[in-house]
C-alpha cells in the first residue's frame, strides 16, 4: 500500500506591491495533487531565502513571517495525520479546506467581520442612549474597510478572530495609508476602533493574545488655519444653491457659538432663554460631556434661526439631517 505523502512549499511572488514587498504564497502537495494559496504575509524580496523558505534577519516582519511558517507547517502536518487516522482520502484540496476552515469540515468559530457586525447592531440598538449616530457610522466604516482589506490580502470574505495578530494589524494600517490614502489621524481613529473590538475579544476569551501588544496608535499635531472675522462675514453673506445654503448656516452658527455640529442639530426651543436684562442665551448641555454651556445668542445666530425655519421642510424631504428648532 502506497504511503501518503505531504510536502509544503513557501515561495514569494515576483510581483512587487506599492510598499516594495512581495506576497508569500503556500503550495500544498499531497499524493500528486497540489493547490496554491495566499498566506497574507509579505516580505522585502531582498530578505527572502528561497532555499530555506525563510525570511532573513531579525526584523519584526521577518520574525512574524518565520513564526507563521513554523506554525503553519505544524498545523498542516497535524491535520494531515488526522485525515489519515480518519481514513479520509488525502488530497491537497481537502487539506487546504481543513486548514482554512472551509468546506464540509468547516468548524464554526467567531469571525472578524461577523463580530464587528454584531457590535454595530448592538450600537444601533442603543443609539440615542449610549451611542450617537456618528460613532455608529464610524464603526460601520471600519467594518467595510476591513472587508475590503481581507478580500484584497487574504482572498476570502472573512477570517477567524484567531487570525488577528500583529501582522494583520500592521497590514491593515498600511492598507489605510497606502491603498486608501488616509491621513495619520484618520488612520489612528480607525485603528482605535479595531482595538476596541480586539479588547472585547480578549475579555471574552475569543482570542488569547493581544494583537496590539507593542503597537502604539499615534496621532500627529495639526496646525489648523483660522478664518478672520472679515472672511467669516463673507461666508455669511454668500448665497449658495440648495442644501449648501444650510451648510453655510450651520458653519456660521458653530463659528459664533462654539457649539459642535451635533449640539446645533439638537437645539430645541427650550434651550434658548432670556435673562433679566432681555439678552438671549443658549443654555444647553454638550452632547459629548453633558456639561451645561451658557452661550450668548448674538445677532447673526439669531438670523441663522430665522433662515432655518424657512428651509426645514424642504431639507427634511431631502433627508439632509436634523436641524435645530429655535423659534
C-alpha atoms as a PDB file:
ATOM      1  CA  UNK A   1       0.000   0.000   0.000  1.00  0.00           C
ATOM      2  CA  UNK A   2       1.397   3.317  -1.086  1.00  0.00           C
ATOM      3  CA  UNK A   3       2.101   5.678   1.774  1.00  0.00           C
ATOM      4  CA  UNK A   4       0.510   9.147   1.663  1.00  0.00           C
ATOM      5  CA  UNK A   5       2.995  11.939   1.242  1.00  0.00           C
ATOM      6  CA  UNK A   6       2.674  15.617   2.150  1.00  0.00           C
ATOM      7  CA  UNK A   7       5.011  18.442   1.153  1.00  0.00           C
ATOM      8  CA  UNK A   8       4.578  22.150   1.858  1.00  0.00           C
ATOM      9  CA  UNK A   9       6.417  24.831  -0.076  1.00  0.00           C
ATOM     10  CA  UNK A  10       6.571  28.534   0.736  1.00  0.00           C
ATOM     11  CA  UNK A  11       7.644  30.932  -2.000  1.00  0.00           C
ATOM     12  CA  UNK A  12       7.374  34.608  -2.825  1.00  0.00           C
ATOM     13  CA  UNK A  13       5.655  36.084  -5.829  1.00  0.00           C
ATOM     14  CA  UNK A  14       7.704  38.127  -8.267  1.00  0.00           C
ATOM     15  CA  UNK A  15       5.136  40.962  -8.323  1.00  0.00           C
ATOM     16  CA  UNK A  16       6.143  43.856  -6.059  1.00  0.00           C
ATOM     17  CA  UNK A  17       3.452  45.850  -4.235  1.00  0.00           C
ATOM     18  CA  UNK A  18       3.343  49.600  -3.659  1.00  0.00           C
ATOM     19  CA  UNK A  19       5.205  49.064  -0.383  1.00  0.00           C
ATOM     20  CA  UNK A  20       8.092  47.330  -2.183  1.00  0.00           C
ATOM     21  CA  UNK A  21       7.193  43.909  -0.787  1.00  0.00           C
ATOM     22  CA  UNK A  22       6.212  40.598  -2.374  1.00  0.00           C
ATOM     23  CA  UNK A  23       3.412  38.281  -1.288  1.00  0.00           C
ATOM     24  CA  UNK A  24       4.397  34.957   0.255  1.00  0.00           C
ATOM     25  CA  UNK A  25       2.361  32.038  -1.063  1.00  0.00           C
ATOM     26  CA  UNK A  26       1.997  28.473   0.064  1.00  0.00           C
ATOM     27  CA  UNK A  27       1.835  25.312  -2.057  1.00  0.00           C
ATOM     28  CA  UNK A  28       0.363  22.171  -0.527  1.00  0.00           C
ATOM     29  CA  UNK A  29       1.163  18.927  -2.355  1.00  0.00           C
ATOM     30  CA  UNK A  30      -0.434  15.608  -1.427  1.00  0.00           C
ATOM     31  CA  UNK A  31      -0.062  12.391  -3.449  1.00  0.00           C
ATOM     32  CA  UNK A  32       0.466  14.198  -6.743  1.00  0.00           C
ATOM     33  CA  UNK A  33      -2.270  16.806  -6.164  1.00  0.00           C
ATOM     34  CA  UNK A  34      -1.411  20.367  -5.278  1.00  0.00           C
ATOM     35  CA  UNK A  35      -3.001  23.705  -4.540  1.00  0.00           C
ATOM     36  CA  UNK A  36      -1.523  27.206  -4.122  1.00  0.00           C
ATOM     37  CA  UNK A  37      -2.923  29.838  -1.792  1.00  0.00           C
ATOM     38  CA  UNK A  38      -2.102  33.253  -0.377  1.00  0.00           C
ATOM     39  CA  UNK A  39      -0.728  33.367   3.168  1.00  0.00           C
ATOM     40  CA  UNK A  40      -1.462  37.052   3.681  1.00  0.00           C
ATOM     41  CA  UNK A  41       2.222  37.611   4.522  1.00  0.00           C
ATOM     42  CA  UNK A  42       4.555  39.976   2.672  1.00  0.00           C
ATOM     43  CA  UNK A  43       8.326  40.343   2.623  1.00  0.00           C
ATOM     44  CA  UNK A  44      11.006  42.529   1.093  1.00  0.00           C
ATOM     45  CA  UNK A  45      12.290  40.387  -1.814  1.00  0.00           C
ATOM     46  CA  UNK A  46      15.896  41.006  -0.673  1.00  0.00           C
ATOM     47  CA  UNK A  47      15.051  39.440   2.695  1.00  0.00           C
ATOM     48  CA  UNK A  48      13.656  36.154   1.372  1.00  0.00           C
ATOM     49  CA  UNK A  49      15.759  32.992   1.274  1.00  0.00           C
ATOM     50  CA  UNK A  50      14.015  30.585  -1.074  1.00  0.00           C
ATOM     51  CA  UNK A  51      16.349  27.648  -0.446  1.00  0.00           C
ATOM     52  CA  UNK A  52      15.468  27.739   3.265  1.00  0.00           C
ATOM     53  CA  UNK A  53      11.920  29.059   2.685  1.00  0.00           C
ATOM     54  CA  UNK A  54      12.545  31.612   5.427  1.00  0.00           C
ATOM     55  CA  UNK A  55      12.819  35.341   5.882  1.00  0.00           C
ATOM     56  CA  UNK A  56      16.297  36.643   6.593  1.00  0.00           C
ATOM     57  CA  UNK A  57      17.160  38.919   9.515  1.00  0.00           C
ATOM     58  CA  UNK A  58      15.624  39.686  12.879  1.00  0.00           C
ATOM     59  CA  UNK A  59      13.186  42.454  11.991  1.00  0.00           C
ATOM     60  CA  UNK A  60       9.649  42.246  13.409  1.00  0.00           C
ATOM     61  CA  UNK A  61       8.246  41.339   9.999  1.00  0.00           C
ATOM     62  CA  UNK A  62      10.890  38.636   9.428  1.00  0.00           C
ATOM     63  CA  UNK A  63      10.136  37.098  12.829  1.00  0.00           C
ATOM     64  CA  UNK A  64       6.368  37.227  12.184  1.00  0.00           C
ATOM     65  CA  UNK A  65       6.786  35.580   8.770  1.00  0.00           C
ATOM     66  CA  UNK A  66       9.024  32.801  10.117  1.00  0.00           C
ATOM     67  CA  UNK A  67       6.723  32.187  13.077  1.00  0.00           C
ATOM     68  CA  UNK A  68       3.792  31.907  10.671  1.00  0.00           C
ATOM     69  CA  UNK A  69       5.683  29.389   8.500  1.00  0.00           C
ATOM     70  CA  UNK A  70       6.581  27.264  11.544  1.00  0.00           C
ATOM     71  CA  UNK A  71       3.041  27.326  12.932  1.00  0.00           C
ATOM     72  CA  UNK A  72       1.541  26.582   9.518  1.00  0.00           C
ATOM     73  CA  UNK A  73       3.791  23.584   8.952  1.00  0.00           C
ATOM     74  CA  UNK A  74       2.897  22.155  12.359  1.00  0.00           C
ATOM     75  CA  UNK A  75      -0.842  22.693  11.801  1.00  0.00           C
ATOM     76  CA  UNK A  76      -0.802  21.211   8.281  1.00  0.00           C
ATOM     77  CA  UNK A  77       1.037  18.041   9.339  1.00  0.00           C
ATOM     78  CA  UNK A  78      -1.288  17.655  12.328  1.00  0.00           C
ATOM     79  CA  UNK A  79      -4.361  17.956  10.081  1.00  0.00           C
ATOM     80  CA  UNK A  80      -2.768  15.526   7.617  1.00  0.00           C
ATOM     81  CA  UNK A  81      -2.293  12.965  10.376  1.00  0.00           C
ATOM     82  CA  UNK A  82      -5.924  13.439  11.472  1.00  0.00           C
ATOM     83  CA  UNK A  83      -7.084  12.749   7.910  1.00  0.00           C
ATOM     84  CA  UNK A  84      -5.024   9.556   7.817  1.00  0.00           C
ATOM     85  CA  UNK A  85      -6.397   8.353  11.168  1.00  0.00           C
ATOM     86  CA  UNK A  86      -9.945   9.051   9.922  1.00  0.00           C
ATOM     87  CA  UNK A  87      -9.312   7.046   6.769  1.00  0.00           C
ATOM     88  CA  UNK A  88     -10.053  10.074   4.585  1.00  0.00           C
ATOM     89  CA  UNK A  89      -8.595  10.057   1.063  1.00  0.00           C
ATOM     90  CA  UNK A  90      -5.840  12.645   1.329  1.00  0.00           C
ATOM     91  CA  UNK A  91      -5.817  15.368  -1.316  1.00  0.00           C
ATOM     92  CA  UNK A  92      -4.282  18.815  -1.395  1.00  0.00           C
ATOM     93  CA  UNK A  93      -7.738  20.398  -1.764  1.00  0.00           C
ATOM     94  CA  UNK A  94      -9.135  18.591   1.276  1.00  0.00           C
ATOM     95  CA  UNK A  95      -6.150  19.535   3.424  1.00  0.00           C
ATOM     96  CA  UNK A  96      -6.364  23.129   2.173  1.00  0.00           C
ATOM     97  CA  UNK A  97     -10.058  23.268   3.119  1.00  0.00           C
ATOM     98  CA  UNK A  98      -9.397  21.962   6.610  1.00  0.00           C
ATOM     99  CA  UNK A  99      -6.513  24.370   7.142  1.00  0.00           C
ATOM    100  CA  UNK A 100      -8.545  27.420   6.079  1.00  0.00           C
ATOM    101  CA  UNK A 101     -11.691  26.083   7.786  1.00  0.00           C
ATOM    102  CA  UNK A 102     -13.852  25.960   4.662  1.00  0.00           C
ATOM    103  CA  UNK A 103     -15.967  23.276   3.002  1.00  0.00           C
ATOM    104  CA  UNK A 104     -17.895  20.413   4.607  1.00  0.00           C
ATOM    105  CA  UNK A 105     -15.451  20.108   7.518  1.00  0.00           C
ATOM    106  CA  UNK A 106     -15.790  23.763   8.458  1.00  0.00           C
ATOM    107  CA  UNK A 107     -15.658  24.343  12.203  1.00  0.00           C
ATOM    108  CA  UNK A 108     -17.913  27.187  13.332  1.00  0.00           C
ATOM    109  CA  UNK A 109     -15.863  29.847  15.083  1.00  0.00           C
ATOM    110  CA  UNK A 110     -16.049  33.559  15.624  1.00  0.00           C
ATOM    111  CA  UNK A 111     -15.111  35.612  12.593  1.00  0.00           C
ATOM    112  CA  UNK A 112     -13.706  39.145  12.398  1.00  0.00           C
ATOM    113  CA  UNK A 113     -16.365  40.774  10.190  1.00  0.00           C
ATOM    114  CA  UNK A 114     -19.223  38.925  11.890  1.00  0.00           C
ATOM    115  CA  UNK A 115     -18.006  40.138  15.301  1.00  0.00           C
ATOM    116  CA  UNK A 116     -17.847  43.724  14.029  1.00  0.00           C
ATOM    117  CA  UNK A 117     -21.348  43.464  12.580  1.00  0.00           C
ATOM    118  CA  UNK A 118     -22.710  42.134  15.886  1.00  0.00           C
ATOM    119  CA  UNK A 119     -21.052  45.069  17.684  1.00  0.00           C
ATOM    120  CA  UNK A 120     -22.541  47.546  15.201  1.00  0.00           C
ATOM    121  CA  UNK A 121     -26.028  46.088  15.627  1.00  0.00           C
ATOM    122  CA  UNK A 122     -25.740  46.451  19.403  1.00  0.00           C
ATOM    123  CA  UNK A 123     -24.644  50.083  18.963  1.00  0.00           C
ATOM    124  CA  UNK A 124     -27.645  50.835  16.728  1.00  0.00           C
ATOM    125  CA  UNK A 125     -29.967  49.277  19.292  1.00  0.00           C
ATOM    126  CA  UNK A 126     -28.525  51.692  21.884  1.00  0.00           C
ATOM    127  CA  UNK A 127     -28.459  54.746  19.594  1.00  0.00           C
ATOM    128  CA  UNK A 128     -29.505  57.864  21.454  1.00  0.00           C
ATOM    129  CA  UNK A 129     -28.699  56.271  24.819  1.00  0.00           C
ATOM    130  CA  UNK A 130     -25.111  55.021  24.836  1.00  0.00           C
ATOM    131  CA  UNK A 131     -24.088  55.714  21.218  1.00  0.00           C
ATOM    132  CA  UNK A 132     -24.569  58.523  18.731  1.00  0.00           C
ATOM    133  CA  UNK A 133     -25.128  58.085  15.011  1.00  0.00           C
ATOM    134  CA  UNK A 134     -21.679  59.469  14.175  1.00  0.00           C
ATOM    135  CA  UNK A 135     -19.972  56.848  16.353  1.00  0.00           C
ATOM    136  CA  UNK A 136     -22.033  54.056  14.809  1.00  0.00           C
ATOM    137  CA  UNK A 137     -21.197  55.201  11.281  1.00  0.00           C
ATOM    138  CA  UNK A 138     -17.503  55.219  12.216  1.00  0.00           C
ATOM    139  CA  UNK A 139     -17.632  51.541  13.222  1.00  0.00           C
ATOM    140  CA  UNK A 140     -19.623  50.671  10.101  1.00  0.00           C
ATOM    141  CA  UNK A 141     -16.941  52.382   8.005  1.00  0.00           C
ATOM    142  CA  UNK A 142     -14.214  50.389   9.788  1.00  0.00           C
ATOM    143  CA  UNK A 143     -16.173  47.194   9.050  1.00  0.00           C
ATOM    144  CA  UNK A 144     -16.358  47.991   5.324  1.00  0.00           C
ATOM    145  CA  UNK A 145     -12.644  48.821   5.209  1.00  0.00           C
ATOM    146  CA  UNK A 146     -11.779  45.557   6.980  1.00  0.00           C
ATOM    147  CA  UNK A 147     -13.906  43.614   4.496  1.00  0.00           C
ATOM    148  CA  UNK A 148     -12.036  45.151   1.559  1.00  0.00           C
ATOM    149  CA  UNK A 149      -8.662  44.638   3.222  1.00  0.00           C
ATOM    150  CA  UNK A 150      -9.335  40.955   3.987  1.00  0.00           C
ATOM    151  CA  UNK A 151     -10.637  40.351   0.470  1.00  0.00           C
ATOM    152  CA  UNK A 152      -7.589  42.033  -1.078  1.00  0.00           C
ATOM    153  CA  UNK A 153      -4.883  40.497   1.078  1.00  0.00           C
ATOM    154  CA  UNK A 154      -6.274  37.091   2.066  1.00  0.00           C
ATOM    155  CA  UNK A 155      -8.612  36.456  -0.895  1.00  0.00           C
ATOM    156  CA  UNK A 156     -11.517  35.437   1.383  1.00  0.00           C
ATOM    157  CA  UNK A 157     -14.651  37.213   2.638  1.00  0.00           C
ATOM    158  CA  UNK A 158     -13.879  36.833   6.336  1.00  0.00           C
ATOM    159  CA  UNK A 159     -11.267  35.453   8.715  1.00  0.00           C
ATOM    160  CA  UNK A 160     -11.422  33.809  12.153  1.00  0.00           C
ATOM    161  CA  UNK A 161     -10.752  36.101  15.092  1.00  0.00           C
ATOM    162  CA  UNK A 162      -7.726  33.943  15.821  1.00  0.00           C
ATOM    163  CA  UNK A 163      -6.168  35.393  12.647  1.00  0.00           C
ATOM    164  CA  UNK A 164      -5.902  38.768  14.383  1.00  0.00           C
ATOM    165  CA  UNK A 165      -2.189  39.119  15.047  1.00  0.00           C
ATOM    166  CA  UNK A 166       0.460  41.837  14.815  1.00  0.00           C
ATOM    167  CA  UNK A 167       0.902  41.208  11.111  1.00  0.00           C
ATOM    168  CA  UNK A 168      -2.834  41.659  10.482  1.00  0.00           C
ATOM    169  CA  UNK A 169      -2.907  44.910  12.460  1.00  0.00           C
ATOM    170  CA  UNK A 170       0.204  46.269  10.716  1.00  0.00           C
ATOM    171  CA  UNK A 171      -1.138  45.233   7.314  1.00  0.00           C
ATOM    172  CA  UNK A 172      -4.478  46.980   7.929  1.00  0.00           C
ATOM    173  CA  UNK A 173      -2.641  50.158   8.939  1.00  0.00           C
ATOM    174  CA  UNK A 174      -0.566  50.040   5.722  1.00  0.00           C
ATOM    175  CA  UNK A 175      -3.725  49.383   3.701  1.00  0.00           C
ATOM    176  CA  UNK A 176      -5.356  52.518   5.131  1.00  0.00           C
ATOM    177  CA  UNK A 177      -2.303  54.663   4.465  1.00  0.00           C
ATOM    178  CA  UNK A 178      -1.310  53.368   1.022  1.00  0.00           C
ATOM    179  CA  UNK A 179      -4.388  51.910  -0.675  1.00  0.00           C
ATOM    180  CA  UNK A 180      -6.954  54.256   0.922  1.00  0.00           C
ATOM    181  CA  UNK A 181      -4.610  57.273   1.129  1.00  0.00           C
ATOM    182  CA  UNK A 182      -5.811  58.166   4.637  1.00  0.00           C
ATOM    183  CA  UNK A 183      -4.024  60.725   6.802  1.00  0.00           C
ATOM    184  CA  UNK A 184      -2.380  59.672  10.064  1.00  0.00           C
ATOM    185  CA  UNK A 185      -5.088  60.972  12.416  1.00  0.00           C
ATOM    186  CA  UNK A 186      -7.822  59.277  10.378  1.00  0.00           C
ATOM    187  CA  UNK A 187      -5.806  56.046  10.424  1.00  0.00           C
ATOM    188  CA  UNK A 188      -5.406  56.371  14.202  1.00  0.00           C
ATOM    189  CA  UNK A 189      -9.171  56.787  14.626  1.00  0.00           C
ATOM    190  CA  UNK A 190      -9.875  53.622  12.644  1.00  0.00           C
ATOM    191  CA  UNK A 191      -7.127  51.671  14.421  1.00  0.00           C
ATOM    192  CA  UNK A 192      -8.581  52.628  17.806  1.00  0.00           C
ATOM    193  CA  UNK A 193     -11.929  51.285  16.599  1.00  0.00           C
ATOM    194  CA  UNK A 194     -10.274  47.987  15.684  1.00  0.00           C
ATOM    195  CA  UNK A 195      -8.518  47.908  19.066  1.00  0.00           C
ATOM    196  CA  UNK A 196     -11.854  48.219  20.850  1.00  0.00           C
ATOM    197  CA  UNK A 197     -13.042  45.025  19.163  1.00  0.00           C
ATOM    198  CA  UNK A 198      -9.803  43.152  19.904  1.00  0.00           C
ATOM    199  CA  UNK A 199     -10.102  44.202  23.567  1.00  0.00           C
ATOM    200  CA  UNK A 200     -13.639  42.844  23.562  1.00  0.00           C
ATOM    201  CA  UNK A 201     -12.397  39.590  22.038  1.00  0.00           C
ATOM    202  CA  UNK A 202      -9.698  39.302  24.716  1.00  0.00           C
ATOM    203  CA  UNK A 203     -12.194  39.962  27.505  1.00  0.00           C
ATOM    204  CA  UNK A 204     -14.455  37.172  26.179  1.00  0.00           C
ATOM    205  CA  UNK A 205     -11.553  34.731  25.615  1.00  0.00           C
ATOM    206  CA  UNK A 206     -12.282  34.653  21.872  1.00  0.00           C
ATOM    207  CA  UNK A 207      -8.564  35.291  21.350  1.00  0.00           C
ATOM    208  CA  UNK A 208      -5.678  34.661  23.743  1.00  0.00           C
ATOM    209  CA  UNK A 209      -3.055  37.174  22.541  1.00  0.00           C
ATOM    210  CA  UNK A 210      -3.368  40.933  22.195  1.00  0.00           C
ATOM    211  CA  UNK A 211      -2.619  41.757  18.529  1.00  0.00           C
ATOM    212  CA  UNK A 212      -1.888  45.364  19.545  1.00  0.00           C
ATOM    213  CA  UNK A 213       0.804  44.346  22.074  1.00  0.00           C
ATOM    214  CA  UNK A 214       3.787  46.617  21.498  1.00  0.00           C
ATOM    215  CA  UNK A 215       1.891  48.685  18.902  1.00  0.00           C
ATOM    216  CA  UNK A 216       1.243  52.332  19.707  1.00  0.00           C
ATOM    217  CA  UNK A 217      -1.531  54.135  17.852  1.00  0.00           C
ATOM    218  CA  UNK A 218      -0.009  57.506  17.021  1.00  0.00           C
ATOM    219  CA  UNK A 219      -1.682  60.835  16.282  1.00  0.00           C
ATOM    220  CA  UNK A 220       0.018  63.963  14.986  1.00  0.00           C
ATOM    221  CA  UNK A 221      -0.414  67.575  15.977  1.00  0.00           C
ATOM    222  CA  UNK A 222      -2.179  69.580  13.294  1.00  0.00           C
ATOM    223  CA  UNK A 223      -1.935  73.315  12.644  1.00  0.00           C
ATOM    224  CA  UNK A 224      -5.384  74.469  11.526  1.00  0.00           C
ATOM    225  CA  UNK A 225      -5.810  77.754   9.686  1.00  0.00           C
ATOM    226  CA  UNK A 226      -8.362  80.083  11.269  1.00  0.00           C
ATOM    227  CA  UNK A 227     -10.716  82.405   9.411  1.00  0.00           C
ATOM    228  CA  UNK A 228     -10.630  86.108  10.119  1.00  0.00           C
ATOM    229  CA  UNK A 229     -13.842  87.873  11.116  1.00  0.00           C
ATOM    230  CA  UNK A 230     -13.984  89.514   7.676  1.00  0.00           C
ATOM    231  CA  UNK A 231     -13.669  86.126   5.967  1.00  0.00           C
ATOM    232  CA  UNK A 232     -16.413  84.732   8.189  1.00  0.00           C
ATOM    233  CA  UNK A 233     -18.696  87.624   7.211  1.00  0.00           C
ATOM    234  CA  UNK A 234     -18.008  86.937   3.523  1.00  0.00           C
ATOM    235  CA  UNK A 235     -19.178  83.343   4.001  1.00  0.00           C
ATOM    236  CA  UNK A 236     -22.222  84.526   5.957  1.00  0.00           C
ATOM    237  CA  UNK A 237     -23.320  86.890   3.154  1.00  0.00           C
ATOM    238  CA  UNK A 238     -22.574  84.436   0.320  1.00  0.00           C
ATOM    239  CA  UNK A 239     -25.569  82.790  -1.348  1.00  0.00           C
ATOM    240  CA  UNK A 240     -25.363  79.096  -2.167  1.00  0.00           C
ATOM    241  CA  UNK A 241     -27.778  76.846  -4.009  1.00  0.00           C
ATOM    242  CA  UNK A 242     -29.700  74.009  -2.387  1.00  0.00           C
ATOM    243  CA  UNK A 243     -28.509  72.403   0.819  1.00  0.00           C
ATOM    244  CA  UNK A 244     -25.187  74.268   0.680  1.00  0.00           C
ATOM    245  CA  UNK A 245     -27.097  77.292   1.944  1.00  0.00           C
ATOM    246  CA  UNK A 246     -27.897  75.337   5.100  1.00  0.00           C
ATOM    247  CA  UNK A 247     -24.349  74.015   5.382  1.00  0.00           C
ATOM    248  CA  UNK A 248     -23.237  77.633   5.430  1.00  0.00           C
ATOM    249  CA  UNK A 249     -25.741  78.453   8.178  1.00  0.00           C
ATOM    250  CA  UNK A 250     -24.619  75.518  10.286  1.00  0.00           C
ATOM    251  CA  UNK A 251     -20.976  76.501   9.882  1.00  0.00           C
ATOM    252  CA  UNK A 252     -21.601  80.148  10.761  1.00  0.00           C
ATOM    253  CA  UNK A 253     -23.729  79.152  13.764  1.00  0.00           C
ATOM    254  CA  UNK A 254     -20.910  76.920  15.009  1.00  0.00           C
ATOM    255  CA  UNK A 255     -18.346  79.692  14.497  1.00  0.00           C
ATOM    256  CA  UNK A 256     -20.310  82.271  16.502  1.00  0.00           C
ATOM    257  CA  UNK A 257     -21.433  79.958  19.311  1.00  0.00           C
ATOM    258  CA  UNK A 258     -18.626  77.413  19.596  1.00  0.00           C
ATOM    259  CA  UNK A 259     -21.175  74.603  19.520  1.00  0.00           C
ATOM    260  CA  UNK A 260     -20.401  71.296  17.819  1.00  0.00           C
ATOM    261  CA  UNK A 261     -22.460  70.159  14.831  1.00  0.00           C
ATOM    262  CA  UNK A 262     -24.355  67.581  16.884  1.00  0.00           C
ATOM    263  CA  UNK A 263     -25.210  70.207  19.517  1.00  0.00           C
ATOM    264  CA  UNK A 264     -26.509  72.604  16.870  1.00  0.00           C
ATOM    265  CA  UNK A 265     -28.560  69.813  15.293  1.00  0.00           C
ATOM    266  CA  UNK A 266     -30.163  69.014  18.654  1.00  0.00           C
ATOM    267  CA  UNK A 267     -31.052  72.588  19.631  1.00  0.00           C
ATOM    268  CA  UNK A 268     -34.642  72.995  20.793  1.00  0.00           C
ATOM    269  CA  UNK A 269     -36.818  75.915  21.731  1.00  0.00           C
ATOM    270  CA  UNK A 270     -36.330  75.326  25.464  1.00  0.00           C
ATOM    271  CA  UNK A 271     -32.547  75.713  25.064  1.00  0.00           C
ATOM    272  CA  UNK A 272     -32.977  79.427  24.277  1.00  0.00           C
ATOM    273  CA  UNK A 273     -33.564  81.522  27.418  1.00  0.00           C
ATOM    274  CA  UNK A 274     -33.797  85.212  28.251  1.00  0.00           C
ATOM    275  CA  UNK A 275     -32.016  86.831  31.197  1.00  0.00           C
ATOM    276  CA  UNK A 276     -33.251  89.681  33.395  1.00  0.00           C
ATOM    277  CA  UNK A 277     -31.776  92.280  31.029  1.00  0.00           C
ATOM    278  CA  UNK A 278     -33.559  90.898  27.978  1.00  0.00           C
ATOM    279  CA  UNK A 279     -30.490  89.215  26.488  1.00  0.00           C
ATOM    280  CA  UNK A 280     -30.951  85.871  24.741  1.00  0.00           C
ATOM    281  CA  UNK A 281     -28.773  82.895  25.675  1.00  0.00           C
ATOM    282  CA  UNK A 282     -28.345  79.323  24.557  1.00  0.00           C
ATOM    283  CA  UNK A 283     -28.340  77.123  27.637  1.00  0.00           C
ATOM    284  CA  UNK A 284     -27.693  73.533  26.704  1.00  0.00           C
ATOM    285  CA  UNK A 285     -25.581  70.554  27.913  1.00  0.00           C
ATOM    286  CA  UNK A 286     -22.912  69.416  25.465  1.00  0.00           C
ATOM    287  CA  UNK A 287     -23.684  66.085  23.841  1.00  0.00           C
ATOM    288  CA  UNK A 288     -20.168  64.763  24.476  1.00  0.00           C
ATOM    289  CA  UNK A 289     -19.626  65.803  28.104  1.00  0.00           C
ATOM    290  CA  UNK A 290     -23.155  66.592  29.369  1.00  0.00           C
ATOM    291  CA  UNK A 291     -21.739  69.853  30.804  1.00  0.00           C
ATOM    292  CA  UNK A 292     -24.218  72.739  30.569  1.00  0.00           C
ATOM    293  CA  UNK A 293     -22.995  75.681  28.490  1.00  0.00           C
ATOM    294  CA  UNK A 294     -24.268  79.255  28.600  1.00  0.00           C
ATOM    295  CA  UNK A 295     -23.697  80.973  25.250  1.00  0.00           C
ATOM    296  CA  UNK A 296     -24.923  84.465  24.285  1.00  0.00           C
ATOM    297  CA  UNK A 297     -27.175  84.388  21.227  1.00  0.00           C
ATOM    298  CA  UNK A 298     -25.753  87.153  19.043  1.00  0.00           C
ATOM    299  CA  UNK A 299     -27.412  88.843  16.074  1.00  0.00           C
ATOM    300  CA  UNK A 300     -26.013  86.539  13.397  1.00  0.00           C
ATOM    301  CA  UNK A 301     -27.037  83.286  15.157  1.00  0.00           C
ATOM    302  CA  UNK A 302     -30.480  84.818  15.574  1.00  0.00           C
ATOM    303  CA  UNK A 303     -30.604  85.434  11.843  1.00  0.00           C
ATOM    304  CA  UNK A 304     -29.478  81.850  11.316  1.00  0.00           C
ATOM    305  CA  UNK A 305     -32.501  80.557  13.234  1.00  0.00           C
ATOM    306  CA  UNK A 306     -34.807  82.629  11.011  1.00  0.00           C
ATOM    307  CA  UNK A 307     -33.223  81.191   7.872  1.00  0.00           C
ATOM    308  CA  UNK A 308     -33.522  77.686   9.221  1.00  0.00           C
ATOM    309  CA  UNK A 309     -37.264  77.988   9.742  1.00  0.00           C
ATOM    310  CA  UNK A 310     -37.788  78.627   6.033  1.00  0.00           C
ATOM    311  CA  UNK A 311     -35.766  75.598   4.911  1.00  0.00           C
ATOM    312  CA  UNK A 312     -36.626  72.872   7.447  1.00  0.00           C
ATOM    313  CA  UNK A 313     -39.477  71.313   5.441  1.00  0.00           C
ATOM    314  CA  UNK A 314     -37.555  71.115   2.171  1.00  0.00           C
ATOM    315  CA  UNK A 315     -34.464  69.710   3.869  1.00  0.00           C
ATOM    316  CA  UNK A 316     -36.500  67.112   5.716  1.00  0.00           C
ATOM    317  CA  UNK A 317     -37.747  65.810   2.368  1.00  0.00           C
ATOM    318  CA  UNK A 318     -34.152  65.651   1.110  1.00  0.00           C
ATOM    319  CA  UNK A 319     -33.093  63.682   4.237  1.00  0.00           C
ATOM    320  CA  UNK A 320     -30.168  66.034   4.801  1.00  0.00           C
ATOM    321  CA  UNK A 321     -30.090  65.846   8.599  1.00  0.00           C
ATOM    322  CA  UNK A 322     -31.960  67.008  11.674  1.00  0.00           C
ATOM    323  CA  UNK A 323     -31.955  70.756  12.207  1.00  0.00           C
ATOM    324  CA  UNK A 324     -32.417  72.929  15.275  1.00  0.00           C
ATOM    325  CA  UNK A 325     -35.874  74.078  16.165  1.00  0.00           C
ATOM    326  CA  UNK A 326     -35.050  77.540  17.509  1.00  0.00           C
ATOM    327  CA  UNK A 327     -38.069  79.824  17.202  1.00  0.00           C
END
